[in-house]
C-alpha cells in the first residue's frame, strides 16, 4: 500500500519529503530487493558483487531520474504528468490483456 502511494510518507502534508520521511520511504521501497536476494541465494550467485552492482546502479538511476524529473517538471509533460502516467498505465494494462 505504501510503495504504491509514497505520498503517505509526507507526514506534515507540505508536499516536500523531508530527510526523515525519505529515510522511511527508502526503507520501504528497498523491500523490492528481497526477491532479488532470494533469487541470488537460490542460484548460488555471489551476493557481494550483486549487492554492490545493485547499489551502484540504483544510485545512478535515482540521480539520473531526479535530474530528468526536475527538467521535465517545467514542461507540458511535467505539468500533466499525473494524467499522462494514468493513461500510460491504462494502455499498458490493455496491451497486457490482448497480448496473451
N, C-alpha and C. Protein backbone atom coordinates (compact mmCIF):
# COMPACT_ATOMS: atom_id res chain seq x y z
N UNK A 1 0.81 -1.19 0.00
CA UNK A 1 0.00 0.00 0.00
C UNK A 1 0.86 1.25 0.00
N UNK A 2 1.90 1.27 0.82
CA UNK A 2 2.74 2.45 0.91
C UNK A 2 3.64 2.58 -0.32
N UNK A 3 4.16 1.46 -0.82
CA UNK A 3 5.02 1.52 -2.01
C UNK A 3 4.25 2.06 -3.20
N UNK A 4 2.96 1.81 -3.27
CA UNK A 4 2.15 2.31 -4.37
C UNK A 4 1.74 3.75 -4.21
N UNK A 5 1.86 4.28 -2.99
CA UNK A 5 1.46 5.66 -2.72
C UNK A 5 2.46 6.30 -1.77
N UNK A 6 3.62 6.74 -2.29
CA UNK A 6 4.64 7.32 -1.42
C UNK A 6 4.23 8.62 -0.76
N UNK A 7 3.14 9.26 -1.21
CA UNK A 7 2.66 10.48 -0.58
C UNK A 7 2.23 10.25 0.86
N UNK A 8 1.96 9.00 1.22
CA UNK A 8 1.59 8.70 2.60
C UNK A 8 2.71 9.02 3.57
N UNK A 9 3.94 9.09 3.11
CA UNK A 9 5.07 9.38 3.98
C UNK A 9 5.23 10.87 4.26
N UNK A 10 4.51 11.70 3.54
CA UNK A 10 4.59 13.15 3.77
C UNK A 10 3.73 13.48 4.98
N UNK A 11 4.30 13.30 6.17
CA UNK A 11 3.54 13.41 7.41
C UNK A 11 2.98 14.82 7.64
N UNK A 12 3.75 15.85 7.27
CA UNK A 12 3.27 17.21 7.51
C UNK A 12 2.49 17.78 6.32
N UNK A 13 2.28 16.98 5.28
CA UNK A 13 1.44 17.33 4.12
C UNK A 13 1.86 18.63 3.44
N UNK A 14 3.18 18.91 3.41
CA UNK A 14 3.65 20.12 2.75
C UNK A 14 4.18 19.85 1.34
N UNK A 15 3.94 18.63 0.85
CA UNK A 15 4.36 18.18 -0.49
C UNK A 15 5.87 18.19 -0.68
N UNK A 16 6.61 18.17 0.43
CA UNK A 16 8.06 18.05 0.40
C UNK A 16 8.43 16.91 1.33
N UNK A 17 9.18 15.95 0.79
CA UNK A 17 9.59 14.81 1.60
C UNK A 17 10.86 15.21 2.34
N UNK A 18 10.80 15.27 3.67
CA UNK A 18 11.95 15.64 4.48
C UNK A 18 12.93 14.46 4.55
N UNK A 19 14.08 14.69 5.17
CA UNK A 19 15.09 13.63 5.29
C UNK A 19 14.54 12.45 6.08
N UNK A 20 13.84 12.71 7.16
CA UNK A 20 13.26 11.63 7.97
C UNK A 20 12.24 10.84 7.17
N UNK A 21 11.39 11.55 6.43
CA UNK A 21 10.38 10.89 5.61
C UNK A 21 11.03 10.11 4.46
N UNK A 22 12.10 10.66 3.88
CA UNK A 22 12.79 9.99 2.78
C UNK A 22 13.47 8.71 3.27
N UNK A 23 14.02 8.73 4.47
CA UNK A 23 14.66 7.52 5.01
C UNK A 23 13.63 6.41 5.19
N UNK A 24 12.47 6.74 5.74
CA UNK A 24 11.42 5.73 5.92
C UNK A 24 10.92 5.23 4.57
N UNK A 25 10.73 6.12 3.62
CA UNK A 25 10.28 5.74 2.29
C UNK A 25 11.32 4.86 1.59
N UNK A 26 12.58 5.21 1.71
CA UNK A 26 13.64 4.41 1.12
C UNK A 26 13.70 3.01 1.71
N UNK A 27 13.48 2.91 3.01
CA UNK A 27 13.48 1.60 3.66
C UNK A 27 12.35 0.73 3.12
N UNK A 28 11.17 1.30 2.98
CA UNK A 28 10.03 0.53 2.48
C UNK A 28 10.22 0.15 1.01
N UNK A 29 10.70 1.08 0.21
CA UNK A 29 10.88 0.80 -1.21
C UNK A 29 12.03 -0.17 -1.47
N UNK A 30 12.97 -0.26 -0.55
CA UNK A 30 14.07 -1.21 -0.73
C UNK A 30 13.63 -2.64 -0.52
N UNK A 31 12.43 -2.84 -0.06
CA UNK A 31 11.91 -4.20 0.13
C UNK A 31 11.83 -4.95 -1.19
N UNK A 32 11.82 -4.23 -2.32
CA UNK A 32 11.78 -4.93 -3.61
C UNK A 32 13.07 -5.70 -3.87
N UNK A 33 14.11 -5.41 -3.14
CA UNK A 33 15.37 -6.17 -3.28
C UNK A 33 15.29 -7.52 -2.59
N UNK A 34 14.27 -7.73 -1.79
CA UNK A 34 14.12 -9.00 -1.10
C UNK A 34 13.99 -10.15 -2.10
N UNK A 35 13.19 -9.97 -3.13
CA UNK A 35 13.03 -11.02 -4.14
C UNK A 35 14.35 -11.29 -4.85
N UNK A 36 15.09 -10.25 -5.14
CA UNK A 36 16.40 -10.43 -5.76
C UNK A 36 17.35 -11.19 -4.85
N UNK A 37 17.31 -10.89 -3.56
CA UNK A 37 18.15 -11.60 -2.61
C UNK A 37 17.81 -13.07 -2.51
N UNK A 38 16.54 -13.37 -2.55
CA UNK A 38 16.11 -14.78 -2.53
C UNK A 38 16.59 -15.49 -3.79
N UNK A 39 16.47 -14.83 -4.93
CA UNK A 39 16.92 -15.43 -6.19
C UNK A 39 18.43 -15.64 -6.20
N UNK A 40 19.16 -14.67 -5.65
CA UNK A 40 20.62 -14.80 -5.57
C UNK A 40 21.00 -16.01 -4.73
N UNK A 41 20.37 -16.12 -3.56
CA UNK A 41 20.67 -17.25 -2.68
C UNK A 41 20.29 -18.59 -3.29
N UNK A 42 19.19 -18.64 -3.98
CA UNK A 42 18.72 -19.89 -4.56
C UNK A 42 19.60 -20.34 -5.72
N UNK A 43 20.22 -19.41 -6.42
CA UNK A 43 21.03 -19.75 -7.59
C UNK A 43 22.51 -19.81 -7.30
N UNK A 44 22.91 -19.51 -6.09
CA UNK A 44 24.32 -19.59 -5.73
C UNK A 44 25.20 -18.52 -6.35
N UNK A 45 24.63 -17.38 -6.67
CA UNK A 45 25.38 -16.28 -7.26
C UNK A 45 26.09 -15.52 -6.14
N UNK A 46 27.23 -14.92 -6.44
CA UNK A 46 27.97 -14.14 -5.46
C UNK A 46 27.13 -12.96 -4.97
N UNK A 47 26.78 -12.98 -3.71
CA UNK A 47 25.93 -11.93 -3.16
C UNK A 47 26.65 -10.60 -3.07
N UNK A 48 27.94 -10.63 -2.76
CA UNK A 48 28.69 -9.38 -2.58
C UNK A 48 28.67 -8.53 -3.84
N UNK A 49 29.06 -9.10 -4.99
CA UNK A 49 29.11 -8.32 -6.22
C UNK A 49 27.72 -7.94 -6.71
N UNK A 50 26.75 -8.78 -6.45
CA UNK A 50 25.39 -8.45 -6.84
C UNK A 50 24.87 -7.27 -6.04
N UNK A 51 25.12 -7.28 -4.74
CA UNK A 51 24.67 -6.17 -3.88
C UNK A 51 25.39 -4.88 -4.27
N UNK A 52 26.68 -4.96 -4.54
CA UNK A 52 27.43 -3.76 -4.95
C UNK A 52 26.88 -3.22 -6.26
N UNK A 53 26.63 -4.09 -7.23
CA UNK A 53 26.12 -3.61 -8.52
C UNK A 53 24.71 -3.03 -8.38
N UNK A 54 23.87 -3.65 -7.57
CA UNK A 54 22.53 -3.10 -7.34
C UNK A 54 22.62 -1.73 -6.71
N UNK A 55 23.50 -1.57 -5.72
CA UNK A 55 23.67 -0.28 -5.07
C UNK A 55 24.16 0.79 -6.02
N UNK A 56 25.17 0.46 -6.81
CA UNK A 56 25.73 1.44 -7.75
C UNK A 56 24.70 1.84 -8.80
N UNK A 57 24.05 0.86 -9.39
CA UNK A 57 23.07 1.18 -10.44
C UNK A 57 21.84 1.89 -9.87
N UNK A 58 21.45 1.56 -8.65
CA UNK A 58 20.33 2.27 -8.02
C UNK A 58 20.71 3.73 -7.80
N UNK A 59 21.91 3.96 -7.31
CA UNK A 59 22.38 5.33 -7.07
C UNK A 59 22.39 6.12 -8.37
N UNK A 60 22.90 5.51 -9.44
CA UNK A 60 22.99 6.19 -10.74
C UNK A 60 21.59 6.48 -11.29
N UNK A 61 20.70 5.48 -11.26
CA UNK A 61 19.38 5.68 -11.86
C UNK A 61 18.53 6.67 -11.05
N UNK A 62 18.68 6.67 -9.73
CA UNK A 62 17.94 7.67 -8.94
C UNK A 62 18.45 9.07 -9.25
N UNK A 63 19.76 9.22 -9.38
CA UNK A 63 20.32 10.53 -9.72
C UNK A 63 19.88 11.01 -11.09
N UNK A 64 19.95 10.13 -12.07
CA UNK A 64 19.52 10.49 -13.43
C UNK A 64 18.02 10.78 -13.44
N UNK A 65 17.24 9.95 -12.76
CA UNK A 65 15.79 10.18 -12.71
C UNK A 65 15.43 11.48 -12.03
N UNK A 66 16.13 11.81 -10.97
CA UNK A 66 15.87 13.07 -10.28
C UNK A 66 16.19 14.26 -11.17
N UNK A 67 17.30 14.19 -11.88
CA UNK A 67 17.69 15.28 -12.78
C UNK A 67 16.68 15.41 -13.93
N UNK A 68 16.30 14.29 -14.53
CA UNK A 68 15.31 14.32 -15.62
C UNK A 68 13.97 14.83 -15.11
N UNK A 69 13.59 14.42 -13.92
CA UNK A 69 12.32 14.88 -13.34
C UNK A 69 12.30 16.37 -13.11
N UNK A 70 13.42 16.93 -12.62
CA UNK A 70 13.44 18.38 -12.40
C UNK A 70 13.41 19.15 -13.71
N UNK A 71 14.00 18.58 -14.76
CA UNK A 71 13.93 19.23 -16.07
C UNK A 71 12.54 19.10 -16.68
N UNK A 72 11.91 17.93 -16.53
CA UNK A 72 10.59 17.71 -17.10
C UNK A 72 9.48 18.46 -16.35
N UNK A 73 9.73 18.80 -15.10
CA UNK A 73 8.70 19.48 -14.31
C UNK A 73 8.30 20.82 -14.93
N UNK A 74 9.17 21.40 -15.70
CA UNK A 74 8.91 22.71 -16.29
C UNK A 74 8.23 22.62 -17.65
N UNK A 75 8.00 21.41 -18.16
CA UNK A 75 7.44 21.24 -19.49
C UNK A 75 5.96 20.85 -19.41
N UNK A 76 5.35 20.69 -20.57
CA UNK A 76 3.96 20.24 -20.66
C UNK A 76 3.79 18.88 -19.99
N UNK A 77 4.76 18.00 -20.23
CA UNK A 77 4.70 16.66 -19.64
C UNK A 77 4.71 16.74 -18.12
N UNK A 78 5.54 17.60 -17.58
CA UNK A 78 5.62 17.75 -16.12
C UNK A 78 4.35 18.30 -15.51
N UNK A 79 3.73 19.24 -16.20
CA UNK A 79 2.50 19.84 -15.68
C UNK A 79 1.32 18.87 -15.70
N UNK A 80 1.35 17.91 -16.63
CA UNK A 80 0.26 16.96 -16.77
C UNK A 80 0.72 15.52 -16.52
N UNK A 81 1.75 15.36 -15.70
CA UNK A 81 2.34 14.04 -15.51
C UNK A 81 1.40 13.04 -14.84
N UNK A 82 0.53 13.51 -13.96
CA UNK A 82 -0.40 12.60 -13.31
C UNK A 82 -1.36 11.97 -14.31
N UNK A 83 -1.93 12.79 -15.17
CA UNK A 83 -2.85 12.28 -16.19
C UNK A 83 -2.12 11.41 -17.20
N UNK A 84 -0.94 11.84 -17.61
CA UNK A 84 -0.17 11.06 -18.59
C UNK A 84 0.19 9.69 -18.02
N UNK A 85 0.64 9.64 -16.76
CA UNK A 85 1.02 8.35 -16.18
C UNK A 85 -0.20 7.45 -16.03
N UNK A 86 -1.35 8.03 -15.69
CA UNK A 86 -2.57 7.23 -15.60
C UNK A 86 -2.95 6.61 -16.94
N UNK A 87 -2.89 7.42 -18.00
CA UNK A 87 -3.22 6.91 -19.33
C UNK A 87 -2.21 5.86 -19.78
N UNK A 88 -0.94 6.07 -19.46
CA UNK A 88 0.07 5.07 -19.82
C UNK A 88 -0.19 3.74 -19.11
N UNK A 89 -0.56 3.79 -17.84
CA UNK A 89 -0.87 2.56 -17.12
C UNK A 89 -2.08 1.85 -17.71
N UNK A 90 -3.08 2.62 -18.10
CA UNK A 90 -4.27 2.03 -18.72
C UNK A 90 -3.89 1.38 -20.05
N UNK A 91 -3.07 2.05 -20.85
CA UNK A 91 -2.66 1.49 -22.14
C UNK A 91 -1.81 0.23 -21.96
N UNK A 92 -0.93 0.23 -20.96
CA UNK A 92 -0.13 -0.96 -20.69
C UNK A 92 -1.03 -2.11 -20.26
N UNK A 93 -2.03 -1.82 -19.42
CA UNK A 93 -2.97 -2.85 -18.99
C UNK A 93 -3.75 -3.43 -20.16
N UNK A 94 -4.22 -2.58 -21.06
CA UNK A 94 -4.94 -3.05 -22.23
C UNK A 94 -4.02 -3.89 -23.11
N UNK A 95 -2.80 -3.44 -23.28
CA UNK A 95 -1.83 -4.22 -24.06
C UNK A 95 -1.60 -5.59 -23.45
N UNK A 96 -1.46 -5.65 -22.14
CA UNK A 96 -1.23 -6.93 -21.45
C UNK A 96 -2.42 -7.87 -21.60
N UNK A 97 -3.62 -7.31 -21.60
CA UNK A 97 -4.82 -8.14 -21.74
C UNK A 97 -4.85 -8.80 -23.12
N UNK A 98 -4.55 -8.01 -24.15
CA UNK A 98 -4.65 -8.53 -25.51
C UNK A 98 -3.38 -9.23 -26.00
N UNK A 99 -2.27 -9.06 -25.33
CA UNK A 99 -1.01 -9.66 -25.77
C UNK A 99 -0.94 -11.15 -25.42
N UNK A 100 -1.74 -11.61 -24.52
CA UNK A 100 -1.64 -13.01 -24.09
C UNK A 100 -2.71 -13.85 -24.67
